[in-house]
């Protein structure tokens, strides 16, 4: 009888142990601001994001158009924080006089099949909260490979292009 109990216990423990390889989580960041810093006289507010896009897990769109969060590929920090840091390194303050506030809203930051999609809405307000500028920038890039490192590089390229367009439009 003891042998049967021992065999059952061994089978239970062996059935509960994971035989597969445990996948490590991988973390990614936004690129280093490649643009030459631009002087500005506005405050950069913490960006906002649509729903799950502000969370650290990367987002992919399934074949039905639904968004899913990835389990093992994450942003190093919230994309809202990463974008604020990127904008803070891109736009430098030349004096203490602030004439307005730059708000940003992340609308898309996702892998869609073999494409990456990044869309950000920027709005500039003056001290009286009058809107001076509002524009939504969208970049969709085809991925050369269907993997996460290629997706991150594509998002980085899209972010650099969007910020350069914003700089040109604000000049």
N, C-alpha and C. Protein backbone atom coordinates (compact mmCIF):
# COMPACT_ATOMS: atom_id res chain seq x y z
N UNK A 1 0.81 -1.18 0.00
CA UNK A 1 0.00 0.00 0.00
C UNK A 1 0.87 1.26 0.00
N UNK A 2 1.96 1.21 0.79
CA UNK A 2 2.87 2.35 0.83
C UNK A 2 3.49 2.60 -0.54
N UNK A 3 3.75 1.55 -1.26
CA UNK A 3 4.35 1.70 -2.59
C UNK A 3 3.38 2.40 -3.53
N UNK A 4 2.11 2.06 -3.46
CA UNK A 4 1.11 2.70 -4.32
C UNK A 4 1.00 4.19 -4.00
N UNK A 5 0.96 4.55 -2.71
CA UNK A 5 0.92 5.96 -2.33
C UNK A 5 2.17 6.71 -2.79
N UNK A 6 3.30 6.07 -2.68
CA UNK A 6 4.55 6.69 -3.12
C UNK A 6 4.53 6.92 -4.63
N UNK A 7 4.06 5.93 -5.38
CA UNK A 7 3.98 6.08 -6.85
C UNK A 7 3.01 7.19 -7.22
N UNK A 8 1.87 7.27 -6.54
CA UNK A 8 0.88 8.31 -6.83
C UNK A 8 1.46 9.70 -6.54
N UNK A 9 2.15 9.83 -5.43
CA UNK A 9 2.75 11.13 -5.06
C UNK A 9 3.82 11.51 -6.08
N UNK A 10 4.66 10.57 -6.48
CA UNK A 10 5.70 10.85 -7.47
C UNK A 10 5.06 11.26 -8.81
N UNK A 11 4.01 10.58 -9.21
CA UNK A 11 3.32 10.92 -10.46
C UNK A 11 2.69 12.31 -10.37
N UNK A 12 2.11 12.64 -9.22
CA UNK A 12 1.51 13.98 -9.05
C UNK A 12 2.57 15.06 -9.15
N UNK A 13 3.69 14.87 -8.49
CA UNK A 13 4.76 15.87 -8.53
C UNK A 13 5.37 15.99 -9.92
N UNK A 14 5.56 14.87 -10.59
CA UNK A 14 6.14 14.94 -11.92
C UNK A 14 5.16 15.55 -12.92
N UNK A 15 3.86 15.36 -12.71
CA UNK A 15 2.87 15.96 -13.60
C UNK A 15 2.74 17.45 -13.39
N UNK A 16 3.01 17.92 -12.18
CA UNK A 16 2.90 19.35 -11.89
C UNK A 16 4.13 20.14 -12.28
N UNK A 17 5.26 19.47 -12.42
CA UNK A 17 6.47 20.21 -12.77
C UNK A 17 6.42 20.59 -14.24
N UNK A 18 6.99 21.75 -14.55
CA UNK A 18 6.97 22.20 -15.94
C UNK A 18 8.12 21.55 -16.69
N UNK A 19 7.79 20.94 -17.78
CA UNK A 19 8.82 20.30 -18.60
C UNK A 19 9.34 21.24 -19.66
N UNK A 20 8.58 22.31 -19.96
CA UNK A 20 8.97 23.23 -21.02
C UNK A 20 9.93 24.30 -20.52
N UNK A 21 10.49 24.97 -21.47
CA UNK A 21 11.42 26.05 -21.16
C UNK A 21 10.64 27.28 -20.71
N UNK A 22 11.07 27.91 -19.65
CA UNK A 22 10.44 29.13 -19.17
C UNK A 22 10.96 30.29 -20.01
N UNK A 23 10.02 31.07 -20.56
CA UNK A 23 10.39 32.18 -21.42
C UNK A 23 10.68 33.41 -20.57
N UNK A 24 11.83 34.01 -20.80
CA UNK A 24 12.18 35.24 -20.08
C UNK A 24 11.43 36.41 -20.67
N UNK A 25 11.15 37.39 -19.82
CA UNK A 25 10.53 38.62 -20.30
C UNK A 25 11.62 39.50 -20.90
N UNK A 26 11.28 40.19 -21.97
CA UNK A 26 12.22 41.07 -22.64
C UNK A 26 11.65 42.48 -22.60
N UNK A 27 12.48 43.46 -22.27
CA UNK A 27 12.05 44.85 -22.11
C UNK A 27 12.70 45.72 -23.18
N UNK A 28 11.92 46.67 -23.69
CA UNK A 28 12.40 47.57 -24.74
C UNK A 28 12.14 49.01 -24.33
N UNK A 29 12.90 49.92 -24.92
CA UNK A 29 12.73 51.35 -24.65
C UNK A 29 12.57 52.09 -25.96
N UNK A 30 12.15 53.35 -25.87
CA UNK A 30 12.09 54.21 -27.04
C UNK A 30 13.51 54.60 -27.40
N UNK A 31 13.74 55.10 -28.61
CA UNK A 31 15.10 55.44 -29.02
C UNK A 31 15.61 56.67 -28.28
N UNK A 32 16.91 56.84 -28.33
CA UNK A 32 17.51 58.07 -27.82
C UNK A 32 17.14 59.17 -28.81
N UNK A 33 16.79 60.33 -28.29
CA UNK A 33 16.39 61.44 -29.16
C UNK A 33 17.51 61.76 -30.14
N UNK A 34 17.26 61.47 -31.42
CA UNK A 34 18.29 61.64 -32.45
C UNK A 34 18.31 63.06 -32.99
N UNK A 35 17.19 63.74 -32.87
CA UNK A 35 17.11 65.11 -33.38
C UNK A 35 17.96 66.04 -32.54
N UNK A 36 18.49 67.06 -33.17
CA UNK A 36 19.21 68.10 -32.44
C UNK A 36 18.18 68.79 -31.54
N UNK A 37 18.49 69.01 -30.26
CA UNK A 37 17.51 69.64 -29.37
C UNK A 37 17.01 70.99 -29.93
N UNK A 38 15.72 71.20 -29.80
CA UNK A 38 15.06 72.40 -30.31
C UNK A 38 14.64 73.24 -29.12
N UNK A 39 14.92 74.54 -29.17
CA UNK A 39 14.49 75.41 -28.07
C UNK A 39 12.99 75.64 -28.15
N UNK A 40 12.37 75.70 -27.01
CA UNK A 40 10.93 75.90 -26.92
C UNK A 40 10.64 76.70 -25.66
N UNK A 41 9.43 77.19 -25.59
CA UNK A 41 9.04 77.90 -24.38
C UNK A 41 7.67 77.42 -23.92
N UNK A 42 7.47 76.11 -23.97
CA UNK A 42 6.24 75.53 -23.47
C UNK A 42 6.56 74.37 -22.53
N UNK A 43 5.60 74.07 -21.70
CA UNK A 43 5.71 72.96 -20.75
C UNK A 43 5.22 71.70 -21.44
N UNK A 44 5.93 70.61 -21.26
CA UNK A 44 5.51 69.32 -21.83
C UNK A 44 4.77 68.55 -20.74
N UNK A 45 3.48 68.37 -20.94
CA UNK A 45 2.66 67.61 -19.99
C UNK A 45 2.91 66.11 -20.17
N UNK A 46 2.63 65.34 -19.15
CA UNK A 46 2.73 63.89 -19.26
C UNK A 46 1.72 63.43 -20.30
N UNK A 47 2.17 62.70 -21.32
CA UNK A 47 1.24 62.22 -22.35
C UNK A 47 0.18 61.31 -21.75
N UNK A 48 -0.92 61.19 -22.46
CA UNK A 48 -1.97 60.24 -22.12
C UNK A 48 -2.01 59.20 -23.23
N UNK A 49 -2.75 58.13 -23.00
CA UNK A 49 -2.82 57.07 -24.00
C UNK A 49 -4.21 56.46 -23.99
N UNK A 50 -4.59 55.93 -25.12
CA UNK A 50 -5.86 55.24 -25.26
C UNK A 50 -5.76 53.87 -24.59
N UNK A 51 -6.57 53.62 -23.59
CA UNK A 51 -6.73 52.30 -22.97
C UNK A 51 -5.44 51.58 -22.65
N UNK A 52 -5.31 50.38 -23.18
CA UNK A 52 -4.18 49.51 -22.85
C UNK A 52 -2.87 49.97 -23.44
N UNK A 53 -2.89 50.97 -24.32
CA UNK A 53 -1.65 51.43 -24.95
C UNK A 53 -0.72 52.10 -23.95
N UNK A 54 -1.24 52.57 -22.83
CA UNK A 54 -0.41 53.22 -21.83
C UNK A 54 0.27 52.26 -20.88
N UNK A 55 -0.03 50.97 -20.99
CA UNK A 55 0.56 49.97 -20.12
C UNK A 55 1.88 49.48 -20.69
N UNK A 56 2.66 48.82 -19.85
CA UNK A 56 3.99 48.37 -20.26
C UNK A 56 3.97 47.22 -21.26
N UNK A 57 3.02 46.26 -21.21
CA UNK A 57 3.05 45.21 -22.22
C UNK A 57 2.83 45.76 -23.62
N UNK A 58 3.55 45.22 -24.58
CA UNK A 58 3.37 45.63 -25.97
C UNK A 58 2.01 45.12 -26.45
N UNK A 59 1.47 45.80 -27.43
CA UNK A 59 0.13 45.49 -27.92
C UNK A 59 0.22 45.05 -29.37
N UNK A 60 -0.51 44.00 -29.70
CA UNK A 60 -0.59 43.51 -31.08
C UNK A 60 -2.06 43.39 -31.45
N UNK A 61 -2.33 43.57 -32.74
CA UNK A 61 -3.69 43.45 -33.24
C UNK A 61 -3.85 42.06 -33.84
N UNK A 62 -4.92 41.35 -33.46
CA UNK A 62 -5.14 40.02 -34.01
C UNK A 62 -5.85 40.11 -35.36
N UNK A 63 -6.10 38.97 -35.98
CA UNK A 63 -6.70 38.95 -37.32
C UNK A 63 -8.12 39.49 -37.35
N UNK A 64 -8.78 39.54 -36.20
CA UNK A 64 -10.15 40.07 -36.13
C UNK A 64 -10.18 41.55 -35.77
N UNK A 65 -9.03 42.17 -35.61
CA UNK A 65 -8.97 43.59 -35.27
C UNK A 65 -8.94 43.86 -33.78
N UNK A 66 -8.96 42.82 -32.96
CA UNK A 66 -8.87 43.00 -31.51
C UNK A 66 -7.45 43.23 -31.06
N UNK A 67 -7.28 43.98 -29.98
CA UNK A 67 -5.94 44.24 -29.45
C UNK A 67 -5.66 43.30 -28.29
N UNK A 68 -4.46 42.73 -28.30
CA UNK A 68 -4.05 41.83 -27.23
C UNK A 68 -2.71 42.31 -26.67
N UNK A 69 -2.53 42.12 -25.37
CA UNK A 69 -1.26 42.47 -24.73
C UNK A 69 -0.35 41.25 -24.77
N UNK A 70 0.89 41.49 -25.11
CA UNK A 70 1.87 40.41 -25.15
C UNK A 70 2.33 40.08 -23.74
N UNK A 71 2.68 38.83 -23.53
CA UNK A 71 3.05 38.38 -22.19
C UNK A 71 4.52 38.56 -21.87
N UNK A 72 5.39 38.43 -22.86
CA UNK A 72 6.82 38.38 -22.58
C UNK A 72 7.60 39.52 -23.20
N UNK A 73 6.94 40.43 -23.91
CA UNK A 73 7.60 41.58 -24.51
C UNK A 73 6.97 42.84 -23.96
N UNK A 74 7.75 43.61 -23.22
CA UNK A 74 7.22 44.78 -22.54
C UNK A 74 8.08 46.00 -22.81
N UNK A 75 7.47 47.18 -22.66
CA UNK A 75 8.23 48.43 -22.68
C UNK A 75 8.93 48.56 -21.33
N UNK A 76 10.07 49.19 -21.31
CA UNK A 76 10.84 49.36 -20.08
C UNK A 76 10.03 50.14 -19.03
N UNK A 77 9.25 51.09 -19.50
CA UNK A 77 8.35 51.88 -18.66
C UNK A 77 7.08 52.10 -19.46
N UNK A 78 6.12 52.74 -18.89
CA UNK A 78 4.90 53.05 -19.62
C UNK A 78 5.25 53.89 -20.85
N UNK A 79 4.64 53.64 -22.00
CA UNK A 79 4.90 54.49 -23.18
C UNK A 79 4.64 55.97 -22.91
N UNK A 80 3.75 56.28 -21.98
CA UNK A 80 3.51 57.68 -21.63
C UNK A 80 4.76 58.31 -21.04
N UNK A 81 5.42 57.59 -20.17
CA UNK A 81 6.66 58.09 -19.55
C UNK A 81 7.78 58.12 -20.58
N UNK A 82 7.88 57.08 -21.40
CA UNK A 82 8.92 57.03 -22.43
C UNK A 82 8.77 58.19 -23.41
N UNK A 83 7.53 58.50 -23.80
CA UNK A 83 7.30 59.61 -24.73
C UNK A 83 7.62 60.95 -24.07
N UNK A 84 7.24 61.11 -22.81
CA UNK A 84 7.55 62.37 -22.11
C UNK A 84 9.06 62.56 -22.02
N UNK A 85 9.79 61.52 -21.70
CA UNK A 85 11.26 61.62 -21.63
C UNK A 85 11.84 61.96 -23.00
N UNK A 86 11.32 61.34 -24.04
CA UNK A 86 11.81 61.61 -25.40
C UNK A 86 11.55 63.07 -25.77
N UNK A 87 10.35 63.55 -25.50
CA UNK A 87 10.02 64.95 -25.80
C UNK A 87 10.87 65.91 -24.98
N UNK A 88 11.13 65.54 -23.72
CA UNK A 88 11.96 66.38 -22.85
C UNK A 88 13.39 66.52 -23.34
N UNK A 89 13.89 65.50 -24.03
CA UNK A 89 15.24 65.56 -24.58
C UNK A 89 15.27 66.21 -25.96
N UNK A 90 14.11 66.24 -26.61
CA UNK A 90 14.02 66.85 -27.94
C UNK A 90 13.82 68.35 -27.85
N UNK A 91 12.98 68.77 -26.93
CA UNK A 91 12.67 70.19 -26.76
C UNK A 91 13.34 70.68 -25.49
N UNK A 92 14.24 71.65 -25.61
CA UNK A 92 14.91 72.21 -24.44
C UNK A 92 14.42 73.63 -24.22
N UNK A 93 14.40 74.03 -22.97
CA UNK A 93 13.92 75.35 -22.60
C UNK A 93 15.07 76.35 -22.67
N UNK A 94 14.86 77.45 -23.39
CA UNK A 94 15.92 78.45 -23.52
C UNK A 94 15.83 79.54 -22.47
N UNK A 95 14.71 79.65 -21.80
CA UNK A 95 14.56 80.63 -20.73
C UNK A 95 13.49 80.15 -19.74
N UNK A 96 13.24 80.94 -18.72
CA UNK A 96 12.27 80.53 -17.70
C UNK A 96 10.85 80.93 -18.05
N UNK A 97 10.65 81.68 -19.11
CA UNK A 97 9.32 82.14 -19.48
C UNK A 97 8.59 81.05 -20.25
N UNK A 98 7.49 80.59 -19.72
CA UNK A 98 6.69 79.56 -20.38
C UNK A 98 5.46 80.21 -21.01
N UNK A 99 5.25 79.95 -22.28
CA UNK A 99 4.12 80.57 -22.96
C UNK A 99 3.00 79.60 -23.28
N UNK A 100 3.15 78.35 -22.93
CA UNK A 100 2.09 77.41 -23.24
C UNK A 100 2.37 76.01 -22.74
N UNK A 101 1.47 75.08 -23.14
CA UNK A 101 1.54 73.70 -22.70
C UNK A 101 1.35 72.78 -23.90
N UNK A 102 2.22 71.79 -24.03
CA UNK A 102 2.10 70.80 -25.10
C UNK A 102 1.53 69.52 -24.50
N UNK A 103 0.36 69.12 -25.01
CA UNK A 103 -0.26 67.86 -24.60
C UNK A 103 -0.12 66.86 -25.73
N UNK A 104 -0.03 65.59 -25.38
CA UNK A 104 0.04 64.55 -26.40
C UNK A 104 -0.80 63.36 -25.95
N UNK A 105 -1.38 62.70 -26.94
CA UNK A 105 -2.23 61.54 -26.72
C UNK A 105 -1.78 60.44 -27.66
N UNK A 106 -1.37 59.30 -27.10
CA UNK A 106 -0.96 58.15 -27.92
C UNK A 106 -2.22 57.43 -28.36
N UNK A 107 -2.47 57.44 -29.66
CA UNK A 107 -3.67 56.80 -30.21
C UNK A 107 -3.40 55.37 -30.66
N UNK A 108 -2.24 55.13 -31.24
CA UNK A 108 -1.83 53.79 -31.68
C UNK A 108 -0.37 53.59 -31.35
N UNK A 109 -0.06 52.43 -30.86
CA UNK A 109 1.32 52.00 -30.61
C UNK A 109 1.27 50.48 -30.60
N UNK A 110 1.21 49.92 -31.80
CA UNK A 110 0.90 48.50 -31.87
C UNK A 110 1.49 47.83 -33.10
N UNK A 111 1.59 46.52 -32.99
CA UNK A 111 2.01 45.68 -34.11
C UNK A 111 0.73 45.15 -34.74
N UNK A 112 0.58 45.42 -36.03
CA UNK A 112 -0.62 45.02 -36.76
C UNK A 112 -0.19 44.12 -37.91
N UNK A 113 -0.21 42.82 -37.67
CA UNK A 113 0.25 41.88 -38.69
C UNK A 113 1.72 42.10 -39.00
N UNK A 114 2.02 42.44 -40.23
CA UNK A 114 3.40 42.71 -40.64
C UNK A 114 3.68 44.20 -40.71
N UNK A 115 2.95 45.00 -39.94
CA UNK A 115 3.14 46.45 -39.89
C UNK A 115 3.24 46.92 -38.45
N UNK A 116 3.90 48.05 -38.27
CA UNK A 116 3.85 48.75 -36.99
C UNK A 116 3.05 50.02 -37.21
N UNK A 117 2.28 50.39 -36.21
CA UNK A 117 1.44 51.58 -36.31
C UNK A 117 1.69 52.46 -35.09
N UNK A 118 2.02 53.72 -35.36
CA UNK A 118 2.20 54.71 -34.30
C UNK A 118 1.41 55.95 -34.69
N UNK A 119 0.51 56.38 -33.81
CA UNK A 119 -0.25 57.61 -34.04
C UNK A 119 -0.29 58.39 -32.74
N UNK A 120 0.06 59.67 -32.82
CA UNK A 120 0.09 60.55 -31.65
C UNK A 120 -0.58 61.86 -32.02
N UNK A 121 -1.45 62.33 -31.14
CA UNK A 121 -2.08 63.64 -31.33
C UNK A 121 -1.40 64.64 -30.41
N UNK A 122 -0.93 65.75 -30.98
CA UNK A 122 -0.29 66.81 -30.22
C UNK A 122 -1.19 68.04 -30.23
N UNK A 123 -1.33 68.66 -29.07
CA UNK A 123 -2.11 69.88 -28.95
C UNK A 123 -1.32 70.88 -28.12
N UNK A 124 -1.19 72.10 -28.63
CA UNK A 124 -0.47 73.16 -27.94
C UNK A 124 -1.46 74.22 -27.49
N UNK A 125 -1.42 74.58 -26.20
CA UNK A 125 -2.31 75.58 -25.63
C UNK A 125 -1.49 76.74 -25.08
N UNK A 126 -2.06 77.94 -25.11
CA UNK A 126 -1.40 79.09 -24.49
C UNK A 126 -1.80 79.16 -23.02
N UNK A 127 -1.34 80.24 -22.31
CA UNK A 127 -1.62 80.39 -20.88
C UNK A 127 -3.10 80.53 -20.58
N UNK A 128 -3.88 81.04 -21.52
CA UNK A 128 -5.32 81.20 -21.31
C UNK A 128 -6.09 79.95 -21.75
N UNK A 129 -5.39 78.89 -22.00
CA UNK A 129 -5.95 77.60 -22.42
C UNK A 129 -6.62 77.68 -23.79
N UNK A 130 -6.16 78.61 -24.63
CA UNK A 130 -6.61 78.69 -26.01
C UNK A 130 -5.75 77.76 -26.86
N UNK A 131 -6.39 77.00 -27.71
CA UNK A 131 -5.66 76.06 -28.55
C UNK A 131 -4.92 76.80 -29.64
N UNK A 132 -3.60 76.61 -29.68
CA UNK A 132 -2.76 77.23 -30.70
C UNK A 132 -2.48 76.28 -31.86
N UNK A 133 -2.44 74.99 -31.56
CA UNK A 133 -2.04 74.00 -32.56
C UNK A 133 -2.62 72.65 -32.17
N UNK A 134 -3.08 71.91 -33.16
CA UNK A 134 -3.55 70.54 -32.93
C UNK A 134 -3.37 69.75 -34.21
N UNK A 135 -2.70 68.62 -34.09
CA UNK A 135 -2.49 67.78 -35.26
C UNK A 135 -2.24 66.34 -34.80
N UNK A 136 -2.78 65.40 -35.57
CA UNK A 136 -2.54 63.99 -35.32
C UNK A 136 -1.57 63.47 -36.37
N UNK A 137 -0.50 62.86 -35.91
CA UNK A 137 0.52 62.29 -36.79
C UNK A 137 0.39 60.76 -36.73
N UNK A 138 0.46 60.15 -37.89
CA UNK A 138 0.33 58.69 -37.96
C UNK A 138 1.38 58.14 -38.90
N UNK A 139 2.07 57.13 -38.46
CA UNK A 139 3.07 56.43 -39.27
C UNK A 139 2.75 54.94 -39.23
N UNK A 140 2.67 54.33 -40.39
CA UNK A 140 2.52 52.88 -40.48
C UNK A 140 3.66 52.37 -41.33
N UNK A 141 4.45 51.47 -40.76
CA UNK A 141 5.64 50.97 -41.43
C UNK A 141 5.52 49.46 -41.63
N UNK A 142 5.92 48.99 -42.81
CA UNK A 142 5.99 47.55 -43.07
C UNK A 142 7.22 46.98 -42.35
N UNK A 143 7.05 45.85 -41.72
CA UNK A 143 8.15 45.19 -41.01
C UNK A 143 8.89 44.27 -41.97
N UNK A 144 10.22 44.33 -41.93
CA UNK A 144 11.02 43.46 -42.78
C UNK A 144 11.04 42.03 -42.25
N UNK A 145 10.84 41.88 -40.93
CA UNK A 145 10.75 40.56 -40.29
C UNK A 145 9.61 40.61 -39.30
N UNK A 146 8.98 39.48 -39.07
CA UNK A 146 7.85 39.42 -38.16
C UNK A 146 8.33 39.04 -36.75
N UNK A 147 9.10 39.97 -36.14
CA UNK A 147 9.57 39.74 -34.79
C UNK A 147 9.54 41.06 -34.00
N UNK A 148 9.70 40.95 -32.70
CA UNK A 148 9.57 42.12 -31.83
C UNK A 148 10.73 43.09 -31.98
N UNK A 149 12.00 42.67 -32.07
CA UNK A 149 13.07 43.66 -32.27
C UNK A 149 12.86 44.51 -33.53
N UNK A 150 12.39 43.91 -34.60
CA UNK A 150 12.11 44.68 -35.82
C UNK A 150 10.96 45.63 -35.59
N UNK A 151 9.95 45.20 -34.83
CA UNK A 151 8.81 46.07 -34.48
C UNK A 151 9.29 47.29 -33.69
N UNK A 152 10.17 47.07 -32.72
CA UNK A 152 10.67 48.17 -31.89
C UNK A 152 11.48 49.16 -32.74
N UNK A 153 12.32 48.65 -33.64
CA UNK A 153 13.08 49.53 -34.52
C UNK A 153 12.15 50.34 -35.42
N UNK A 154 11.10 49.72 -35.89
CA UNK A 154 10.14 50.40 -36.74
C UNK A 154 9.40 51.50 -35.97
N UNK A 155 9.01 51.21 -34.74
CA UNK A 155 8.35 52.22 -33.90
C UNK A 155 9.32 53.37 -33.64
N UNK A 156 10.59 53.06 -33.40
CA UNK A 156 11.59 54.10 -33.17
C UNK A 156 11.72 55.01 -34.38
N UNK A 157 11.77 54.41 -35.56
CA UNK A 157 11.86 55.19 -36.79
C UNK A 157 10.61 56.06 -36.97
N UNK A 158 9.45 55.50 -36.71
CA UNK A 158 8.20 56.25 -36.83
C UNK A 158 8.15 57.40 -35.84
N UNK A 159 8.62 57.17 -34.61
CA UNK A 159 8.63 58.23 -33.61
C UNK A 159 9.54 59.37 -34.05
N UNK A 160 10.71 59.04 -34.56
CA UNK A 160 11.63 60.09 -35.02
C UNK A 160 11.01 60.90 -36.15
N UNK A 161 10.33 60.23 -37.08
CA UNK A 161 9.68 60.94 -38.19
C UNK A 161 8.55 61.84 -37.68
N UNK A 162 7.75 61.34 -36.76
CA UNK A 162 6.63 62.12 -36.21
C UNK A 162 7.15 63.36 -35.50
N UNK A 163 8.17 63.20 -34.68
CA UNK A 163 8.71 64.33 -33.93
C UNK A 163 9.33 65.35 -34.88
N UNK A 164 9.99 64.88 -35.93
CA UNK A 164 10.55 65.83 -36.90
C UNK A 164 9.44 66.60 -37.60
N UNK A 165 8.33 65.93 -37.92
CA UNK A 165 7.19 66.64 -38.52
C UNK A 165 6.60 67.64 -37.53
N UNK A 166 6.54 67.27 -36.26
CA UNK A 166 6.03 68.20 -35.24
C UNK A 166 6.93 69.42 -35.13
N UNK A 167 8.24 69.21 -35.12
CA UNK A 167 9.19 70.33 -35.05
C UNK A 167 8.99 71.26 -36.24
N UNK A 168 8.87 70.70 -37.42
CA UNK A 168 8.66 71.51 -38.63
C UNK A 168 7.35 72.28 -38.55
N UNK A 169 6.29 71.66 -38.06
CA UNK A 169 5.00 72.32 -37.99
C UNK A 169 4.95 73.42 -36.92
N UNK A 170 5.72 73.26 -35.85
CA UNK A 170 5.74 74.26 -34.79
C UNK A 170 6.69 75.42 -35.09
N UNK A 171 7.55 75.24 -36.09
CA UNK A 171 8.53 76.30 -36.43
C UNK A 171 7.89 77.43 -37.20
